[in-house]
Amino acid sequence: MSGFDFSGKVVLVTGGTKGIGAAIAQAFSDAGATVYVCGRTPPASTVAGFPENAPRFIAADVRDIDTIDALLAQIEREAGRLDVLVSNAGGAPFALAAQASPRFTEGVIRLNLVAPLQIAQRANALMQQQPEGGVLLFIGSVSGLRASPGTAAYGAAKAGLLNAVRSLAVEWAPKVRVCAVSPSLVETEAATRGHTGSSPEDAAAALDNIAATIPAGRLAKPGDIASACLFLASPHAAYASGSNLILEGGGEVPAFLAATDLHKAFATTP
């Protein structure tokens, strides 16, 4: 996406080695920023060697507070600042709430709520010392805004994160802006795996069926979320704080319409 200049800025994207995170990291890098990404394992391209302007990988597990402190200390030591944090690491496999173990539930909450809050706290402390402050962006989900059957703990964590965005925007203003981007299902391997069959044919059919329920006629793509992050982190969004940008292609057609002939009036395909 063109039109944004992040030259001289330093950006950290958690979980930035694949999927949505990789798209966000590359978008900021293309806009001129110095970009760091973290994950538990390096991407395959790191082994072969990144281009000079590509995101810089640091091995880190965001669920471990000592690892977070070491990660931010390394960025401050190397780059001298941190202008934008995109807290993207997260996710959860499908699990019915009645069958989920306490350990599973706690793990989902830690990854999707506790870890983002902890790294935001540390990043805020660094940004508050900078004359220009900084921007904290959280990747939320529409699962935090509606029922999330099969991923109840994940939806609850995202709902908590969206509430925290509003609170942190008040506590850390005016130096630090805090916003969220909440997409619906994004077309990535990890996100679609739990919504499709095992064979490529089943997967393609399932994705087509899901896309047919979306007014935009397609799933979100990683680039859609990356573009939203570029905007929210830029001066064009200087008055946006405590905001949640929902990306759902027009939303979901109400279920009651699907039970009647009225749904045909909203069909997205011929």
C-alpha atoms as a PDB file:
ATOM      1  CA  MET A   1       0.000   0.000   0.000  1.00  0.00           C
ATOM      2  CA  SER A   2       1.464   3.355  -1.010  1.00  0.00           C
ATOM      3  CA  GLY A   3       1.031   6.795   0.523  1.00  0.00           C
ATOM      4  CA  PHE A   4       2.585   6.131   3.927  1.00  0.00           C
ATOM      5  CA  ASP A   5       6.111   7.049   4.950  1.00  0.00           C
ATOM      6  CA  PHE A   6       7.554   5.463   8.083  1.00  0.00           C
ATOM      7  CA  SER A   7      11.165   6.337   7.347  1.00  0.00           C
ATOM      8  CA  GLY A   8      13.132   6.641  10.583  1.00  0.00           C
ATOM      9  CA  LYS A   9      10.466   4.780  12.567  1.00  0.00           C
ATOM     10  CA  VAL A  10      10.995   1.522  14.435  1.00  0.00           C
ATOM     11  CA  VAL A  11       8.215  -1.063  14.447  1.00  0.00           C
ATOM     12  CA  LEU A  12       7.802  -4.366  16.294  1.00  0.00           C
ATOM     13  CA  VAL A  13       5.284  -6.958  15.093  1.00  0.00           C
ATOM     14  CA  THR A  14       4.754  -9.925  17.407  1.00  0.00           C
ATOM     15  CA  GLY A  15       4.027 -13.165  15.603  1.00  0.00           C
ATOM     16  CA  GLY A  16       5.332 -11.411  12.514  1.00  0.00           C
ATOM     17  CA  THR A  17       6.903 -14.393  10.751  1.00  0.00           C
ATOM     18  CA  LYS A  18       3.833 -15.700   8.922  1.00  0.00           C
ATOM     19  CA  GLY A  19       0.236 -14.986   7.975  1.00  0.00           C
ATOM     20  CA  ILE A  20      -1.226 -11.656   9.045  1.00  0.00           C
ATOM     21  CA  GLY A  21       1.865 -10.705  11.040  1.00  0.00           C
ATOM     22  CA  ALA A  22       4.207 -11.226   8.095  1.00  0.00           C
ATOM     23  CA  ALA A  23       2.002  -9.070   5.863  1.00  0.00           C
ATOM     24  CA  ILE A  24       1.937  -6.286   8.482  1.00  0.00           C
ATOM     25  CA  ALA A  25       5.703  -6.442   8.969  1.00  0.00           C
ATOM     26  CA  GLN A  26       6.397  -6.309   5.243  1.00  0.00           C
ATOM     27  CA  ALA A  27       3.984  -3.397   4.756  1.00  0.00           C
ATOM     28  CA  PHE A  28       5.797  -1.297   7.365  1.00  0.00           C
ATOM     29  CA  SER A  29       9.154  -2.322   5.906  1.00  0.00           C
ATOM     30  CA  ASP A  30       8.018  -1.296   2.416  1.00  0.00           C
ATOM     31  CA  ALA A  31       6.948   2.054   3.890  1.00  0.00           C
ATOM     32  CA  GLY A  32      10.500   2.685   5.086  1.00  0.00           C
ATOM     33  CA  ALA A  33      10.384   1.559   8.718  1.00  0.00           C
ATOM     34  CA  THR A  34      12.968  -0.495  10.547  1.00  0.00           C
ATOM     35  CA  VAL A  35      10.906  -3.548  11.425  1.00  0.00           C
ATOM     36  CA  TYR A  36      11.474  -6.233  14.018  1.00  0.00           C
ATOM     37  CA  VAL A  37       9.433  -9.422  14.182  1.00  0.00           C
ATOM     38  CA  CYS A  38       9.394 -12.052  16.876  1.00  0.00           C
ATOM     39  CA  GLY A  39       8.243 -15.625  17.180  1.00  0.00           C
ATOM     40  CA  ARG A  40       9.236 -18.852  18.839  1.00  0.00           C
ATOM     41  CA  THR A  41      10.906 -20.154  15.667  1.00  0.00           C
ATOM     42  CA  PRO A  42      12.483 -18.230  12.790  1.00  0.00           C
ATOM     43  CA  PRO A  43      10.822 -18.183   9.369  1.00  0.00           C
ATOM     44  CA  ALA A  44      12.407 -20.291   6.650  1.00  0.00           C
ATOM     45  CA  SER A  45      13.515 -17.152   4.803  1.00  0.00           C
ATOM     46  CA  THR A  46      15.624 -16.095   7.793  1.00  0.00           C
ATOM     47  CA  VAL A  47      17.880 -19.086   7.311  1.00  0.00           C
ATOM     48  CA  ALA A  48      18.534 -18.135   3.692  1.00  0.00           C
ATOM     49  CA  GLY A  49      19.060 -14.502   4.661  1.00  0.00           C
ATOM     50  CA  PHE A  50      16.649 -11.577   4.472  1.00  0.00           C
ATOM     51  CA  PRO A  51      17.132  -8.671   2.062  1.00  0.00           C
ATOM     52  CA  GLU A  52      18.714  -5.663   3.743  1.00  0.00           C
ATOM     53  CA  ASN A  53      15.398  -3.826   4.301  1.00  0.00           C
ATOM     54  CA  ALA A  54      13.462  -6.933   5.389  1.00  0.00           C
ATOM     55  CA  PRO A  55      12.132  -7.371   8.949  1.00  0.00           C
ATOM     56  CA  ARG A  56      14.690  -8.405  11.547  1.00  0.00           C
ATOM     57  CA  PHE A  57      13.839 -11.577  13.452  1.00  0.00           C
ATOM     58  CA  ILE A  58      14.313 -12.025  17.206  1.00  0.00           C
ATOM     59  CA  ALA A  59      13.386 -15.352  18.806  1.00  0.00           C
ATOM     60  CA  ALA A  60      10.905 -14.687  21.613  1.00  0.00           C
ATOM     61  CA  ASP A  61       7.893 -16.247  23.284  1.00  0.00           C
ATOM     62  CA  VAL A  62       5.540 -13.371  24.135  1.00  0.00           C
ATOM     63  CA  ARG A  63       3.983 -15.427  26.937  1.00  0.00           C
ATOM     64  CA  ASP A  64       7.227 -15.165  28.930  1.00  0.00           C
ATOM     65  CA  ILE A  65       7.739 -11.793  30.621  1.00  0.00           C
ATOM     66  CA  ASP A  66      11.521 -12.173  30.861  1.00  0.00           C
ATOM     67  CA  THR A  67      11.649 -12.863  27.124  1.00  0.00           C
ATOM     68  CA  ILE A  68       9.579  -9.754  26.472  1.00  0.00           C
ATOM     69  CA  ASP A  69      11.956  -7.613  28.526  1.00  0.00           C
ATOM     70  CA  ALA A  70      14.964  -9.042  26.658  1.00  0.00           C
ATOM     71  CA  LEU A  71      13.255  -8.469  23.311  1.00  0.00           C
ATOM     72  CA  LEU A  72      12.497  -4.809  23.974  1.00  0.00           C
ATOM     73  CA  ALA A  73      15.927  -4.238  25.496  1.00  0.00           C
ATOM     74  CA  GLN A  74      17.570  -5.548  22.336  1.00  0.00           C
ATOM     75  CA  ILE A  75      15.436  -3.303  20.125  1.00  0.00           C
ATOM     76  CA  GLU A  76      16.217  -0.268  22.275  1.00  0.00           C
ATOM     77  CA  ARG A  77      19.910  -1.126  22.249  1.00  0.00           C
ATOM     78  CA  GLU A  78      20.065  -1.575  18.473  1.00  0.00           C
ATOM     79  CA  ALA A  79      17.555   1.005  17.235  1.00  0.00           C
ATOM     80  CA  GLY A  80      17.370   3.419  20.159  1.00  0.00           C
ATOM     81  CA  ARG A  81      13.589   3.685  20.111  1.00  0.00           C
ATOM     82  CA  LEU A  82      10.252   1.989  19.426  1.00  0.00           C
ATOM     83  CA  ASP A  83       7.556   3.918  17.584  1.00  0.00           C
ATOM     84  CA  VAL A  84       4.939   1.271  16.826  1.00  0.00           C
ATOM     85  CA  LEU A  85       4.062  -2.037  18.452  1.00  0.00           C
ATOM     86  CA  VAL A  86       1.668  -4.321  16.595  1.00  0.00           C
ATOM     87  CA  SER A  87       0.568  -7.009  19.019  1.00  0.00           C
ATOM     88  CA  ASN A  88      -0.452  -9.711  16.575  1.00  0.00           C
ATOM     89  CA  ALA A  89       0.627 -13.025  18.123  1.00  0.00           C
ATOM     90  CA  GLY A  90      -2.401 -15.067  19.092  1.00  0.00           C
ATOM     91  CA  GLY A  91      -4.915 -17.672  18.020  1.00  0.00           C
ATOM     92  CA  ALA A  92      -6.535 -20.838  19.290  1.00  0.00           C
ATOM     93  CA  PRO A  93      -7.501 -24.236  17.900  1.00  0.00           C
ATOM     94  CA  PHE A  94     -11.142 -25.323  17.804  1.00  0.00           C
ATOM     95  CA  ALA A  95     -12.255 -26.743  21.151  1.00  0.00           C
ATOM     96  CA  LEU A  96     -15.740 -27.020  22.612  1.00  0.00           C
ATOM     97  CA  ALA A  97     -15.909 -25.276  25.982  1.00  0.00           C
ATOM     98  CA  ALA A  98     -17.426 -28.301  27.729  1.00  0.00           C
ATOM     99  CA  GLN A  99     -14.430 -30.415  26.725  1.00  0.00           C
ATOM    100  CA  ALA A 100     -11.566 -27.921  27.107  1.00  0.00           C
ATOM    101  CA  SER A 101      -9.133 -28.570  29.932  1.00  0.00           C
ATOM    102  CA  PRO A 102      -8.291 -25.847  32.469  1.00  0.00           C
ATOM    103  CA  ARG A 103      -4.734 -25.808  31.134  1.00  0.00           C
ATOM    104  CA  PHE A 104      -5.969 -25.278  27.565  1.00  0.00           C
ATOM    105  CA  THR A 105      -8.261 -22.431  28.590  1.00  0.00           C
ATOM    106  CA  GLU A 106      -5.568 -20.722  30.645  1.00  0.00           C
ATOM    107  CA  GLY A 107      -3.124 -21.048  27.756  1.00  0.00           C
ATOM    108  CA  VAL A 108      -5.525 -19.404  25.308  1.00  0.00           C
ATOM    109  CA  ILE A 109      -6.189 -16.522  27.712  1.00  0.00           C
ATOM    110  CA  ARG A 110      -2.479 -16.043  28.395  1.00  0.00           C
ATOM    111  CA  LEU A 111      -1.554 -15.902  24.708  1.00  0.00           C
ATOM    112  CA  ASN A 112      -4.430 -13.704  23.557  1.00  0.00           C
ATOM    113  CA  LEU A 113      -4.966 -11.378  26.520  1.00  0.00           C
ATOM    114  CA  VAL A 114      -2.281 -11.511  29.216  1.00  0.00           C
ATOM    115  CA  ALA A 115       0.715 -11.509  26.853  1.00  0.00           C
ATOM    116  CA  PRO A 116      -0.500  -8.543  24.763  1.00  0.00           C
ATOM    117  CA  LEU A 117      -1.180  -6.531  27.919  1.00  0.00           C
ATOM    118  CA  GLN A 118       2.246  -7.298  29.347  1.00  0.00           C
ATOM    119  CA  ILE A 119       4.200  -6.369  26.242  1.00  0.00           C
ATOM    120  CA  ALA A 120       2.057  -3.240  25.837  1.00  0.00           C
ATOM    121  CA  GLN A 121       2.929  -2.197  29.382  1.00  0.00           C
ATOM    122  CA  ARG A 122       6.644  -2.551  28.678  1.00  0.00           C
ATOM    123  CA  ALA A 123       6.424  -0.852  25.266  1.00  0.00           C
ATOM    124  CA  ASN A 124       4.440   2.034  26.754  1.00  0.00           C
ATOM    125  CA  ALA A 125       7.179   2.656  29.324  1.00  0.00           C
ATOM    126  CA  LEU A 126       9.673   3.021  26.488  1.00  0.00           C
ATOM    127  CA  MET A 127       7.410   5.187  24.329  1.00  0.00           C
ATOM    128  CA  GLN A 128       6.533   7.555  27.172  1.00  0.00           C
ATOM    129  CA  GLN A 129      10.209   8.574  27.313  1.00  0.00           C
ATOM    130  CA  GLN A 130      10.220   9.573  23.630  1.00  0.00           C
ATOM    131  CA  PRO A 131       9.234  13.122  22.613  1.00  0.00           C
ATOM    132  CA  GLU A 132       7.022  11.721  19.845  1.00  0.00           C
ATOM    133  CA  GLY A 133       5.481   9.016  22.026  1.00  0.00           C
ATOM    134  CA  GLY A 134       4.276   6.006  20.066  1.00  0.00           C
ATOM    135  CA  VAL A 135       1.403   3.850  18.847  1.00  0.00           C
ATOM    136  CA  LEU A 136       0.176   0.529  20.222  1.00  0.00           C
ATOM    137  CA  LEU A 137      -1.932  -1.565  17.860  1.00  0.00           C
ATOM    138  CA  PHE A 138      -3.687  -4.760  18.882  1.00  0.00           C
ATOM    139  CA  ILE A 139      -4.980  -7.304  16.391  1.00  0.00           C
ATOM    140  CA  GLY A 140      -8.404  -8.169  17.743  1.00  0.00           C
ATOM    141  CA  SER A 141     -11.154 -10.235  16.165  1.00  0.00           C
ATOM    142  CA  VAL A 142     -14.866 -10.089  15.481  1.00  0.00           C
ATOM    143  CA  SER A 143     -14.921 -13.136  17.790  1.00  0.00           C
ATOM    144  CA  GLY A 144     -14.642 -10.621  20.615  1.00  0.00           C
ATOM    145  CA  LEU A 145     -17.787  -8.870  19.436  1.00  0.00           C
ATOM    146  CA  ARG A 146     -20.141 -11.773  18.832  1.00  0.00           C
ATOM    147  CA  ALA A 147     -20.655 -15.388  19.879  1.00  0.00           C
ATOM    148  CA  SER A 148     -17.590 -17.533  19.274  1.00  0.00           C
ATOM    149  CA  PRO A 149     -18.691 -21.181  19.540  1.00  0.00           C
ATOM    150  CA  GLY A 150     -15.791 -23.596  19.408  1.00  0.00           C
ATOM    151  CA  THR A 151     -13.367 -20.836  20.419  1.00  0.00           C
ATOM    152  CA  ALA A 152     -15.098 -19.432  23.497  1.00  0.00           C
ATOM    153  CA  ALA A 153     -11.916 -18.708  25.458  1.00  0.00           C
ATOM    154  CA  TYR A 154     -10.388 -16.995  22.417  1.00  0.00           C
ATOM    155  CA  GLY A 155     -13.474 -14.837  21.910  1.00  0.00           C
ATOM    156  CA  ALA A 156     -13.517 -13.915  25.599  1.00  0.00           C
ATOM    157  CA  ALA A 157      -9.830 -12.984  25.481  1.00  0.00           C
ATOM    158  CA  LYS A 158     -10.335 -10.791  22.423  1.00  0.00           C
ATOM    159  CA  ALA A 159     -13.324  -9.121  24.064  1.00  0.00           C
ATOM    160  CA  GLY A 160     -11.132  -8.355  27.077  1.00  0.00           C
ATOM    161  CA  LEU A 161      -8.423  -7.004  24.798  1.00  0.00           C
ATOM    162  CA  LEU A 162     -10.854  -4.640  23.069  1.00  0.00           C
ATOM    163  CA  ASN A 163     -11.995  -3.323  26.431  1.00  0.00           C
ATOM    164  CA  ALA A 164      -8.360  -2.853  27.469  1.00  0.00           C
ATOM    165  CA  VAL A 165      -7.723  -0.781  24.333  1.00  0.00           C
ATOM    166  CA  ARG A 166     -10.226   1.802  25.531  1.00  0.00           C
ATOM    167  CA  SER A 167      -8.797   1.836  29.062  1.00  0.00           C
ATOM    168  CA  LEU A 168      -5.179   2.079  27.973  1.00  0.00           C
ATOM    169  CA  ALA A 169      -6.031   4.874  25.547  1.00  0.00           C
ATOM    170  CA  VAL A 170      -7.168   6.904  28.564  1.00  0.00           C
ATOM    171  CA  GLU A 171      -4.338   5.938  30.908  1.00  0.00           C
ATOM    172  CA  TRP A 172      -1.473   6.431  28.451  1.00  0.00           C
ATOM    173  CA  ALA A 173      -2.652   9.530  26.578  1.00  0.00           C
ATOM    174  CA  PRO A 174      -1.525  11.842  25.142  1.00  0.00           C
ATOM    175  CA  LYS A 175       1.938  10.411  24.461  1.00  0.00           C
ATOM    176  CA  VAL A 176       0.782   6.979  23.331  1.00  0.00           C
ATOM    177  CA  ARG A 177      -2.164   6.181  21.092  1.00  0.00           C
ATOM    178  CA  VAL A 178      -3.848   2.781  21.467  1.00  0.00           C
ATOM    179  CA  CYS A 179      -6.064   1.187  18.792  1.00  0.00           C
ATOM    180  CA  ALA A 180      -7.266  -2.210  17.617  1.00  0.00           C
ATOM    181  CA  VAL A 181      -7.995  -3.813  14.262  1.00  0.00           C
ATOM    182  CA  SER A 182     -10.632  -6.554  14.399  1.00  0.00           C
ATOM    183  CA  PRO A 183     -10.979  -8.672  11.262  1.00  0.00           C
ATOM    184  CA  SER A 184     -13.338 -11.496  10.501  1.00  0.00           C
ATOM    185  CA  LEU A 185     -11.890 -14.734   9.088  1.00  0.00           C
ATOM    186  CA  VAL A 186      -8.671 -13.975   7.224  1.00  0.00           C
ATOM    187  CA  GLU A 187      -7.446 -16.074   4.332  1.00  0.00           C
ATOM    188  CA  THR A 188      -4.354 -17.607   5.906  1.00  0.00           C
ATOM    189  CA  GLU A 189      -3.362 -21.239   6.260  1.00  0.00           C
ATOM    190  CA  ALA A 190      -3.587 -21.194  10.049  1.00  0.00           C
ATOM    191  CA  ALA A 191      -6.927 -19.380  10.271  1.00  0.00           C
ATOM    192  CA  THR A 192      -8.747 -21.382   7.628  1.00  0.00           C
ATOM    193  CA  ARG A 193      -7.436 -24.811   8.652  1.00  0.00           C
ATOM    194  CA  GLY A 194     -10.047 -25.180  11.382  1.00  0.00           C
ATOM    195  CA  HIS A 195     -12.902 -24.075   9.127  1.00  0.00           C
ATOM    196  CA  THR A 196     -12.302 -26.416   6.182  1.00  0.00           C
ATOM    197  CA  GLY A 197     -12.027 -30.085   5.329  1.00  0.00           C
ATOM    198  CA  SER A 198      -8.775 -31.964   5.125  1.00  0.00           C
ATOM    199  CA  SER A 199      -8.535 -32.330   1.342  1.00  0.00           C
ATOM    200  CA  PRO A 200      -7.768 -29.374  -0.963  1.00  0.00           C
ATOM    201  CA  GLU A 201     -11.120 -29.888  -2.670  1.00  0.00           C
ATOM    202  CA  ASP A 202     -13.017 -29.810   0.630  1.00  0.00           C
ATOM    203  CA  ALA A 203     -11.047 -26.774   1.765  1.00  0.00           C
ATOM    204  CA  ALA A 204     -11.760 -24.830  -1.428  1.00  0.00           C
ATOM    205  CA  ALA A 205     -15.462 -25.657  -1.246  1.00  0.00           C
ATOM    206  CA  ALA A 206     -15.680 -24.681   2.412  1.00  0.00           C
ATOM    207  CA  LEU A 207     -13.947 -21.355   1.787  1.00  0.00           C
ATOM    208  CA  ASP A 208     -16.282 -20.639  -1.111  1.00  0.00           C
ATOM    209  CA  ASN A 209     -19.272 -21.348   1.134  1.00  0.00           C
ATOM    210  CA  ILE A 210     -17.908 -19.040   3.842  1.00  0.00           C
ATOM    211  CA  ALA A 211     -17.180 -16.281   1.326  1.00  0.00           C
ATOM    212  CA  ALA A 212     -20.759 -16.523   0.054  1.00  0.00           C
ATOM    213  CA  THR A 213     -22.005 -15.432   3.495  1.00  0.00           C
ATOM    214  CA  ILE A 214     -19.940 -12.227   3.402  1.00  0.00           C
ATOM    215  CA  PRO A 215     -21.411  -9.168   1.649  1.00  0.00           C
ATOM    216  CA  ALA A 216     -17.992  -8.347   0.140  1.00  0.00           C
ATOM    217  CA  GLY A 217     -18.003 -11.783  -1.505  1.00  0.00           C
ATOM    218  CA  ARG A 218     -14.601 -12.819  -0.163  1.00  0.00           C
ATOM    219  CA  LEU A 219     -12.599 -13.444   2.980  1.00  0.00           C
ATOM    220  CA  ALA A 220     -10.268 -10.794   4.336  1.00  0.00           C
ATOM    221  CA  LYS A 221      -6.689 -11.015   3.110  1.00  0.00           C
ATOM    222  CA  PRO A 222      -3.578 -10.335   5.229  1.00  0.00           C
ATOM    223  CA  GLY A 223      -2.934  -7.210   3.166  1.00  0.00           C
ATOM    224  CA  ASP A 224      -6.286  -5.775   4.255  1.00  0.00           C
ATOM    225  CA  ILE A 225      -5.207  -5.901   7.882  1.00  0.00           C
ATOM    226  CA  ALA A 226      -1.732  -4.570   7.042  1.00  0.00           C
ATOM    227  CA  SER A 227      -3.244  -1.550   5.281  1.00  0.00           C
ATOM    228  CA  ALA A 228      -5.419  -0.799   8.298  1.00  0.00           C
ATOM    229  CA  CYS A 229      -2.366  -0.927  10.581  1.00  0.00           C
ATOM    230  CA  LEU A 230      -0.435   1.466   8.343  1.00  0.00           C
ATOM    231  CA  PHE A 231      -3.306   3.940   8.513  1.00  0.00           C
ATOM    232  CA  LEU A 232      -3.830   3.719  12.277  1.00  0.00           C
ATOM    233  CA  ALA A 233      -0.113   4.072  12.988  1.00  0.00           C
ATOM    234  CA  SER A 234       0.240   7.072  10.679  1.00  0.00           C
ATOM    235  CA  PRO A 235      -0.335  10.803  11.322  1.00  0.00           C
ATOM    236  CA  HIS A 236      -3.521  10.455   9.242  1.00  0.00           C
ATOM    237  CA  ALA A 237      -5.041   8.730  12.287  1.00  0.00           C
ATOM    238  CA  ALA A 238      -3.595  11.141  14.858  1.00  0.00           C
ATOM    239  CA  TYR A 239      -6.969  11.589  16.587  1.00  0.00           C
ATOM    240  CA  ALA A 240      -7.743   7.863  16.689  1.00  0.00           C
ATOM    241  CA  SER A 241      -7.182   6.347  20.115  1.00  0.00           C
ATOM    242  CA  GLY A 242      -9.328   3.861  21.938  1.00  0.00           C
ATOM    243  CA  SER A 243     -10.679   2.988  18.501  1.00  0.00           C
ATOM    244  CA  ASN A 244     -11.445  -0.454  17.080  1.00  0.00           C
ATOM    245  CA  LEU A 245     -11.421  -0.695  13.292  1.00  0.00           C
ATOM    246  CA  ILE A 246     -13.671  -3.601  12.325  1.00  0.00           C
ATOM    247  CA  LEU A 247     -12.818  -5.331   9.037  1.00  0.00           C
ATOM    248  CA  GLU A 248     -15.554  -7.790   8.153  1.00  0.00           C
ATOM    249  CA  GLY A 249     -16.483  -7.070   4.540  1.00  0.00           C
ATOM    250  CA  GLY A 250     -19.921  -5.759   5.442  1.00  0.00           C
ATOM    251  CA  GLY A 251     -20.560  -8.133   8.327  1.00  0.00           C
ATOM    252  CA  GLU A 252     -22.650 -11.250   8.554  1.00  0.00           C
ATOM    253  CA  VAL A 253     -26.136 -11.531   7.118  1.00  0.00           C
ATOM    254  CA  PRO A 254     -28.513 -12.033  10.094  1.00  0.00           C
ATOM    255  CA  ALA A 255     -29.239 -15.703  10.706  1.00  0.00           C
ATOM    256  CA  PHE A 256     -33.004 -15.197  10.678  1.00  0.00           C
ATOM    257  CA  LEU A 257     -32.822 -14.123   7.035  1.00  0.00           C
ATOM    258  CA  ALA A 258     -31.175 -17.415   6.097  1.00  0.00           C
ATOM    259  CA  ALA A 259     -34.259 -19.197   7.439  1.00  0.00           C
ATOM    260  CA  THR A 260     -36.511 -17.354   4.984  1.00  0.00           C
ATOM    261  CA  ASP A 261     -36.565 -16.487   1.303  1.00  0.00           C
ATOM    262  CA  LEU A 262     -35.461 -12.964   2.204  1.00  0.00           C
ATOM    263  CA  HIS A 263     -31.798 -14.069   2.200  1.00  0.00           C
ATOM    264  CA  LYS A 264     -31.933 -14.307  -1.591  1.00  0.00           C
ATOM    265  CA  ALA A 265     -32.148 -10.521  -1.790  1.00  0.00           C
ATOM    266  CA  PHE A 266     -28.724 -10.308  -0.166  1.00  0.00           C
ATOM    267  CA  ALA A 267     -26.966 -13.000  -2.174  1.00  0.00           C
ATOM    268  CA  THR A 268     -23.368 -12.102  -2.984  1.00  0.00           C
ATOM    269  CA  THR A 269     -23.073 -14.490  -5.926  1.00  0.00           C
ATOM    270  CA  PRO A 270     -25.298 -14.926  -9.006  1.00  0.00           C
END
